Amino acid sequence: MRRGSEYILKVRPVSAFSATLLVVALAAVTQEVLVLFGSTLCFATFFPAILVASLLGGAAAGAFATAVTIPIVWWAFMPPYFEFNPLTAADYDQIRNFLLCSSLLICFSQLYREALVLSRK
């Protein structure tokens, strides 16, 4: 099992941030498909994207994915769509919950990466 997880630690920073942008874009496309089917969850597909980004690139890539996700969701998935209008109290609550859950995902993935480094020794 140790052999299969070593690729996580060998990703270069430029590749990690490129992969982060790709994963966030894929999550946005998936979210758009879910919205077409009637889903009202704004941040649903971005949680796995942040997890993948932070596993591949570490905490910095996860924080970058989180920072990129908030304006995308605000612009594309919160009504009125494709406009930056003032946020409501419910929107602020969604963003706050997203930031809390994202920070936990980033912290746990960083702990996992550190455990991989320790298990290699």
N, C-alpha and C. Protein backbone atom coordinates (compact mmCIF):
# COMPACT_ATOMS: atom_id res chain seq x y z
N MET A 1 0.83 -1.20 0.00
CA MET A 1 0.00 0.00 0.00
C MET A 1 0.87 1.25 0.00
N ARG A 2 2.01 1.17 0.56
CA ARG A 2 2.88 2.31 0.63
C ARG A 2 3.30 2.76 -0.78
N ARG A 3 3.49 1.82 -1.66
CA ARG A 3 3.95 2.12 -3.01
C ARG A 3 2.91 2.91 -3.79
N GLY A 4 1.63 2.60 -3.63
CA GLY A 4 0.57 3.27 -4.38
C GLY A 4 0.32 4.70 -3.95
N SER A 5 0.66 5.05 -2.75
CA SER A 5 0.37 6.40 -2.26
C SER A 5 1.57 7.33 -2.35
N GLU A 6 2.68 6.88 -2.88
CA GLU A 6 3.86 7.72 -2.97
C GLU A 6 3.71 8.83 -4.01
N TYR A 7 2.86 8.65 -5.00
CA TYR A 7 2.68 9.69 -6.03
C TYR A 7 2.13 10.96 -5.44
N ILE A 8 1.43 10.88 -4.33
CA ILE A 8 0.85 12.08 -3.70
C ILE A 8 1.96 13.03 -3.27
N LEU A 9 3.06 12.50 -2.80
CA LEU A 9 4.13 13.34 -2.30
C LEU A 9 5.07 13.84 -3.39
N LYS A 10 4.97 13.31 -4.60
CA LYS A 10 5.90 13.67 -5.67
C LYS A 10 5.35 14.69 -6.65
N VAL A 11 4.22 15.28 -6.39
CA VAL A 11 3.63 16.26 -7.29
C VAL A 11 4.34 17.59 -7.11
N ARG A 12 4.76 18.21 -8.21
CA ARG A 12 5.43 19.51 -8.15
C ARG A 12 4.42 20.61 -7.88
N PRO A 13 4.84 21.73 -7.29
CA PRO A 13 3.90 22.81 -6.96
C PRO A 13 3.16 23.38 -8.17
N VAL A 14 3.86 23.56 -9.30
CA VAL A 14 3.20 24.10 -10.49
C VAL A 14 2.15 23.11 -10.99
N SER A 15 2.49 21.84 -10.98
CA SER A 15 1.53 20.82 -11.39
C SER A 15 0.35 20.75 -10.43
N ALA A 16 0.62 20.93 -9.15
CA ALA A 16 -0.45 20.87 -8.15
C ALA A 16 -1.45 22.00 -8.35
N PHE A 17 -0.96 23.21 -8.61
CA PHE A 17 -1.88 24.33 -8.79
C PHE A 17 -2.61 24.23 -10.13
N SER A 18 -1.96 23.68 -11.13
CA SER A 18 -2.64 23.45 -12.40
C SER A 18 -3.73 22.40 -12.23
N ALA A 19 -3.41 21.35 -11.50
CA ALA A 19 -4.40 20.31 -11.22
C ALA A 19 -5.54 20.87 -10.37
N THR A 20 -5.21 21.79 -9.47
CA THR A 20 -6.24 22.42 -8.65
C THR A 20 -7.24 23.19 -9.51
N LEU A 21 -6.73 23.97 -10.45
CA LEU A 21 -7.63 24.71 -11.34
C LEU A 21 -8.48 23.76 -12.19
N LEU A 22 -7.86 22.68 -12.64
CA LEU A 22 -8.60 21.70 -13.44
C LEU A 22 -9.70 21.02 -12.63
N VAL A 23 -9.39 20.66 -11.40
CA VAL A 23 -10.36 19.98 -10.54
C VAL A 23 -11.50 20.93 -10.17
N VAL A 24 -11.19 22.18 -9.90
CA VAL A 24 -12.24 23.16 -9.57
C VAL A 24 -13.13 23.41 -10.80
N ALA A 25 -12.53 23.47 -11.98
CA ALA A 25 -13.32 23.65 -13.20
C ALA A 25 -14.23 22.45 -13.44
N LEU A 26 -13.72 21.25 -13.21
CA LEU A 26 -14.54 20.05 -13.35
C LEU A 26 -15.68 20.05 -12.33
N ALA A 27 -15.40 20.50 -11.13
CA ALA A 27 -16.45 20.59 -10.12
C ALA A 27 -17.51 21.61 -10.50
N ALA A 28 -17.09 22.72 -11.13
CA ALA A 28 -18.06 23.73 -11.56
C ALA A 28 -18.96 23.19 -12.67
N VAL A 29 -18.37 22.45 -13.59
CA VAL A 29 -19.18 21.85 -14.67
C VAL A 29 -20.16 20.83 -14.09
N THR A 30 -19.68 20.02 -13.17
CA THR A 30 -20.56 19.04 -12.52
C THR A 30 -21.67 19.74 -11.74
N GLN A 31 -21.35 20.82 -11.07
CA GLN A 31 -22.36 21.58 -10.33
C GLN A 31 -23.40 22.15 -11.29
N GLU A 32 -22.97 22.62 -12.44
CA GLU A 32 -23.92 23.14 -13.43
C GLU A 32 -24.87 22.06 -13.90
N VAL A 33 -24.37 20.86 -14.09
CA VAL A 33 -25.23 19.74 -14.48
C VAL A 33 -26.23 19.44 -13.37
N LEU A 34 -25.77 19.46 -12.12
CA LEU A 34 -26.69 19.22 -11.01
C LEU A 34 -27.75 20.31 -10.89
N VAL A 35 -27.37 21.55 -11.17
CA VAL A 35 -28.34 22.66 -11.14
C VAL A 35 -29.39 22.46 -12.23
N LEU A 36 -28.98 21.96 -13.38
CA LEU A 36 -29.95 21.70 -14.44
C LEU A 36 -30.96 20.64 -14.04
N PHE A 37 -30.54 19.72 -13.17
CA PHE A 37 -31.45 18.70 -12.67
C PHE A 37 -32.24 19.16 -11.45
N GLY A 38 -32.01 20.38 -10.97
CA GLY A 38 -32.81 20.94 -9.90
C GLY A 38 -32.16 20.98 -8.54
N SER A 39 -30.88 20.72 -8.44
CA SER A 39 -30.20 20.76 -7.15
C SER A 39 -30.04 22.20 -6.68
N THR A 40 -30.21 22.42 -5.39
CA THR A 40 -30.05 23.76 -4.82
C THR A 40 -28.81 23.86 -3.93
N LEU A 41 -28.01 22.82 -3.86
CA LEU A 41 -26.81 22.83 -3.05
C LEU A 41 -25.69 23.51 -3.83
N CYS A 42 -25.26 24.66 -3.38
CA CYS A 42 -24.31 25.48 -4.14
C CYS A 42 -22.89 24.92 -4.11
N PHE A 43 -22.47 24.37 -3.00
CA PHE A 43 -21.07 23.97 -2.83
C PHE A 43 -20.87 22.46 -2.87
N ALA A 44 -21.86 21.69 -3.27
CA ALA A 44 -21.82 20.23 -3.14
C ALA A 44 -20.65 19.59 -3.88
N THR A 45 -20.40 19.97 -5.09
CA THR A 45 -19.36 19.29 -5.87
C THR A 45 -17.97 19.83 -5.60
N PHE A 46 -17.87 20.90 -4.86
CA PHE A 46 -16.57 21.50 -4.63
C PHE A 46 -15.82 20.87 -3.45
N PHE A 47 -16.52 20.17 -2.58
CA PHE A 47 -15.84 19.50 -1.47
C PHE A 47 -14.88 18.42 -1.95
N PRO A 48 -15.30 17.52 -2.86
CA PRO A 48 -14.31 16.55 -3.36
C PRO A 48 -13.16 17.22 -4.12
N ALA A 49 -13.44 18.31 -4.80
CA ALA A 49 -12.38 19.02 -5.53
C ALA A 49 -11.34 19.58 -4.56
N ILE A 50 -11.79 20.11 -3.45
CA ILE A 50 -10.86 20.65 -2.46
C ILE A 50 -10.07 19.52 -1.80
N LEU A 51 -10.73 18.40 -1.57
CA LEU A 51 -10.02 17.26 -0.99
C LEU A 51 -8.94 16.75 -1.94
N VAL A 52 -9.25 16.61 -3.21
CA VAL A 52 -8.26 16.13 -4.18
C VAL A 52 -7.12 17.14 -4.31
N ALA A 53 -7.46 18.42 -4.37
CA ALA A 53 -6.42 19.45 -4.51
C ALA A 53 -5.50 19.46 -3.30
N SER A 54 -6.05 19.34 -2.11
CA SER A 54 -5.21 19.39 -0.92
C SER A 54 -4.43 18.09 -0.72
N LEU A 55 -4.93 16.97 -1.21
CA LEU A 55 -4.15 15.74 -1.15
C LEU A 55 -2.98 15.79 -2.13
N LEU A 56 -3.21 16.34 -3.31
CA LEU A 56 -2.15 16.40 -4.31
C LEU A 56 -1.12 17.48 -4.00
N GLY A 57 -1.59 18.68 -3.66
CA GLY A 57 -0.67 19.80 -3.52
C GLY A 57 -0.44 20.30 -2.13
N GLY A 58 -1.08 19.72 -1.16
CA GLY A 58 -0.90 20.17 0.21
C GLY A 58 -1.89 21.26 0.60
N ALA A 59 -1.63 21.86 1.74
CA ALA A 59 -2.55 22.85 2.30
C ALA A 59 -2.64 24.10 1.43
N ALA A 60 -1.55 24.48 0.79
CA ALA A 60 -1.57 25.68 -0.05
C ALA A 60 -2.50 25.50 -1.26
N ALA A 61 -2.45 24.33 -1.87
CA ALA A 61 -3.33 24.07 -3.02
C ALA A 61 -4.79 23.97 -2.57
N GLY A 62 -5.03 23.40 -1.40
CA GLY A 62 -6.39 23.33 -0.88
C GLY A 62 -6.95 24.71 -0.55
N ALA A 63 -6.10 25.56 0.03
CA ALA A 63 -6.54 26.93 0.32
C ALA A 63 -6.78 27.71 -0.97
N PHE A 64 -5.95 27.47 -1.98
CA PHE A 64 -6.15 28.11 -3.28
C PHE A 64 -7.46 27.66 -3.91
N ALA A 65 -7.75 26.37 -3.82
CA ALA A 65 -9.02 25.86 -4.36
C ALA A 65 -10.21 26.46 -3.63
N THR A 66 -10.10 26.62 -2.34
CA THR A 66 -11.17 27.23 -1.57
C THR A 66 -11.36 28.69 -1.96
N ALA A 67 -10.26 29.40 -2.11
CA ALA A 67 -10.34 30.82 -2.48
C ALA A 67 -10.89 31.02 -3.88
N VAL A 68 -10.62 30.11 -4.78
CA VAL A 68 -11.14 30.21 -6.15
C VAL A 68 -12.61 29.82 -6.20
N THR A 69 -13.01 28.89 -5.35
CA THR A 69 -14.37 28.37 -5.38
C THR A 69 -15.41 29.41 -4.96
N ILE A 70 -15.11 30.20 -3.96
CA ILE A 70 -16.12 31.13 -3.43
C ILE A 70 -16.60 32.13 -4.48
N PRO A 71 -15.73 32.82 -5.22
CA PRO A 71 -16.26 33.72 -6.25
C PRO A 71 -16.98 32.99 -7.38
N ILE A 72 -16.53 31.78 -7.71
CA ILE A 72 -17.22 31.02 -8.76
C ILE A 72 -18.64 30.70 -8.34
N VAL A 73 -18.80 30.22 -7.11
CA VAL A 73 -20.14 29.88 -6.63
C VAL A 73 -21.00 31.13 -6.48
N TRP A 74 -20.42 32.19 -5.97
CA TRP A 74 -21.17 33.44 -5.80
C TRP A 74 -21.67 33.95 -7.15
N TRP A 75 -20.83 33.87 -8.17
CA TRP A 75 -21.20 34.40 -9.48
C TRP A 75 -22.14 33.47 -10.24
N ALA A 76 -21.86 32.16 -10.21
CA ALA A 76 -22.58 31.26 -11.11
C ALA A 76 -23.73 30.49 -10.48
N PHE A 77 -23.71 30.26 -9.18
CA PHE A 77 -24.68 29.34 -8.60
C PHE A 77 -25.58 29.94 -7.52
N MET A 78 -25.35 31.18 -7.14
CA MET A 78 -26.24 31.84 -6.18
C MET A 78 -27.11 32.83 -6.94
N PRO A 79 -28.43 32.79 -6.68
CA PRO A 79 -29.30 33.70 -7.41
C PRO A 79 -29.05 35.15 -7.03
N PRO A 80 -29.17 36.06 -7.95
CA PRO A 80 -29.38 35.95 -9.39
C PRO A 80 -28.12 35.43 -10.06
N TYR A 81 -28.28 34.51 -10.97
CA TYR A 81 -27.17 33.80 -11.57
C TYR A 81 -26.37 34.69 -12.51
N PHE A 82 -25.07 34.47 -12.52
CA PHE A 82 -24.10 35.16 -13.37
C PHE A 82 -24.06 36.67 -13.12
N GLU A 83 -24.23 37.02 -11.84
CA GLU A 83 -24.10 38.41 -11.40
C GLU A 83 -23.52 38.41 -9.99
N PHE A 84 -22.72 39.43 -9.69
CA PHE A 84 -22.22 39.63 -8.33
C PHE A 84 -23.14 40.64 -7.65
N ASN A 85 -24.15 40.15 -6.98
CA ASN A 85 -25.06 41.00 -6.21
C ASN A 85 -24.76 40.84 -4.73
N PRO A 86 -25.25 41.76 -3.90
CA PRO A 86 -25.02 41.62 -2.46
C PRO A 86 -25.56 40.28 -1.95
N LEU A 87 -24.83 39.71 -1.02
CA LEU A 87 -25.21 38.42 -0.46
C LEU A 87 -26.26 38.59 0.63
N THR A 88 -27.11 37.59 0.75
CA THR A 88 -28.10 37.57 1.82
C THR A 88 -27.48 36.90 3.04
N ALA A 89 -28.22 36.91 4.14
CA ALA A 89 -27.74 36.26 5.36
C ALA A 89 -27.59 34.76 5.15
N ALA A 90 -28.49 34.16 4.39
CA ALA A 90 -28.40 32.72 4.11
C ALA A 90 -27.16 32.41 3.26
N ASP A 91 -26.83 33.29 2.33
CA ASP A 91 -25.63 33.09 1.52
C ASP A 91 -24.37 33.17 2.37
N TYR A 92 -24.35 34.12 3.30
CA TYR A 92 -23.20 34.22 4.21
C TYR A 92 -23.07 32.96 5.06
N ASP A 93 -24.20 32.41 5.48
CA ASP A 93 -24.16 31.17 6.26
C ASP A 93 -23.61 30.02 5.44
N GLN A 94 -24.03 29.93 4.18
CA GLN A 94 -23.51 28.87 3.31
C GLN A 94 -22.01 29.01 3.11
N ILE A 95 -21.54 30.22 2.89
CA ILE A 95 -20.11 30.45 2.69
C ILE A 95 -19.34 30.14 3.97
N ARG A 96 -19.87 30.54 5.10
CA ARG A 96 -19.20 30.27 6.37
C ARG A 96 -19.11 28.76 6.62
N ASN A 97 -20.19 28.03 6.37
CA ASN A 97 -20.16 26.58 6.54
C ASN A 97 -19.19 25.93 5.56
N PHE A 98 -19.15 26.44 4.33
CA PHE A 98 -18.21 25.92 3.34
C PHE A 98 -16.77 26.15 3.79
N LEU A 99 -16.48 27.34 4.31
CA LEU A 99 -15.12 27.61 4.78
C LEU A 99 -14.74 26.71 5.95
N LEU A 100 -15.67 26.47 6.85
CA LEU A 100 -15.41 25.60 7.99
C LEU A 100 -15.12 24.18 7.52
N CYS A 101 -15.98 23.64 6.67
CA CYS A 101 -15.79 22.27 6.19
C CYS A 101 -14.54 22.15 5.32
N SER A 102 -14.27 23.16 4.52
CA SER A 102 -13.07 23.14 3.68
C SER A 102 -11.81 23.17 4.53
N SER A 103 -11.81 23.98 5.57
CA SER A 103 -10.62 24.03 6.42
C SER A 103 -10.40 22.70 7.13
N LEU A 104 -11.47 22.02 7.51
CA LEU A 104 -11.31 20.69 8.11
C LEU A 104 -10.77 19.69 7.10
N LEU A 105 -11.28 19.74 5.86
CA LEU A 105 -10.76 18.85 4.81
C LEU A 105 -9.28 19.10 4.56
N ILE A 106 -8.90 20.36 4.50
CA ILE A 106 -7.50 20.71 4.25
C ILE A 106 -6.61 20.25 5.40
N CYS A 107 -7.06 20.45 6.62
CA CYS A 107 -6.27 20.02 7.78
C CYS A 107 -6.10 18.50 7.82
N PHE A 108 -7.18 17.77 7.56
CA PHE A 108 -7.09 16.31 7.59
C PHE A 108 -6.24 15.78 6.45
N SER A 109 -6.32 16.39 5.29
CA SER A 109 -5.49 15.93 4.18
C SER A 109 -4.02 16.26 4.44
N GLN A 110 -3.75 17.37 5.10
CA GLN A 110 -2.38 17.68 5.46
C GLN A 110 -1.85 16.69 6.50
N LEU A 111 -2.68 16.31 7.44
CA LEU A 111 -2.27 15.28 8.41
C LEU A 111 -1.99 13.96 7.72
N TYR A 112 -2.79 13.62 6.71
CA TYR A 112 -2.57 12.41 5.95
C TYR A 112 -1.24 12.46 5.21
N ARG A 113 -0.95 13.61 4.60
CA ARG A 113 0.32 13.76 3.88
C ARG A 113 1.50 13.64 4.85
N GLU A 114 1.37 14.20 6.04
CA GLU A 114 2.44 14.08 7.03
C GLU A 114 2.59 12.65 7.52
N ALA A 115 1.47 11.95 7.64
CA ALA A 115 1.55 10.53 8.04
C ALA A 115 2.22 9.69 6.95
N LEU A 116 2.01 10.05 5.68
CA LEU A 116 2.70 9.35 4.60
C LEU A 116 4.21 9.56 4.68
N VAL A 117 4.61 10.77 4.99
CA VAL A 117 6.04 11.06 5.12
C VAL A 117 6.64 10.26 6.28
N LEU A 118 5.93 10.20 7.39
CA LEU A 118 6.43 9.45 8.54
C LEU A 118 6.47 7.95 8.27
N SER A 119 5.51 7.45 7.51
CA SER A 119 5.49 6.01 7.23
C SER A 119 6.57 5.61 6.23
N ARG A 120 7.09 6.56 5.47
CA ARG A 120 8.17 6.25 4.53
C ARG A 120 9.51 6.09 5.24
N LYS A 121 9.63 6.64 6.43
CA LYS A 121 10.91 6.58 7.16
C LYS A 121 11.12 5.25 7.84
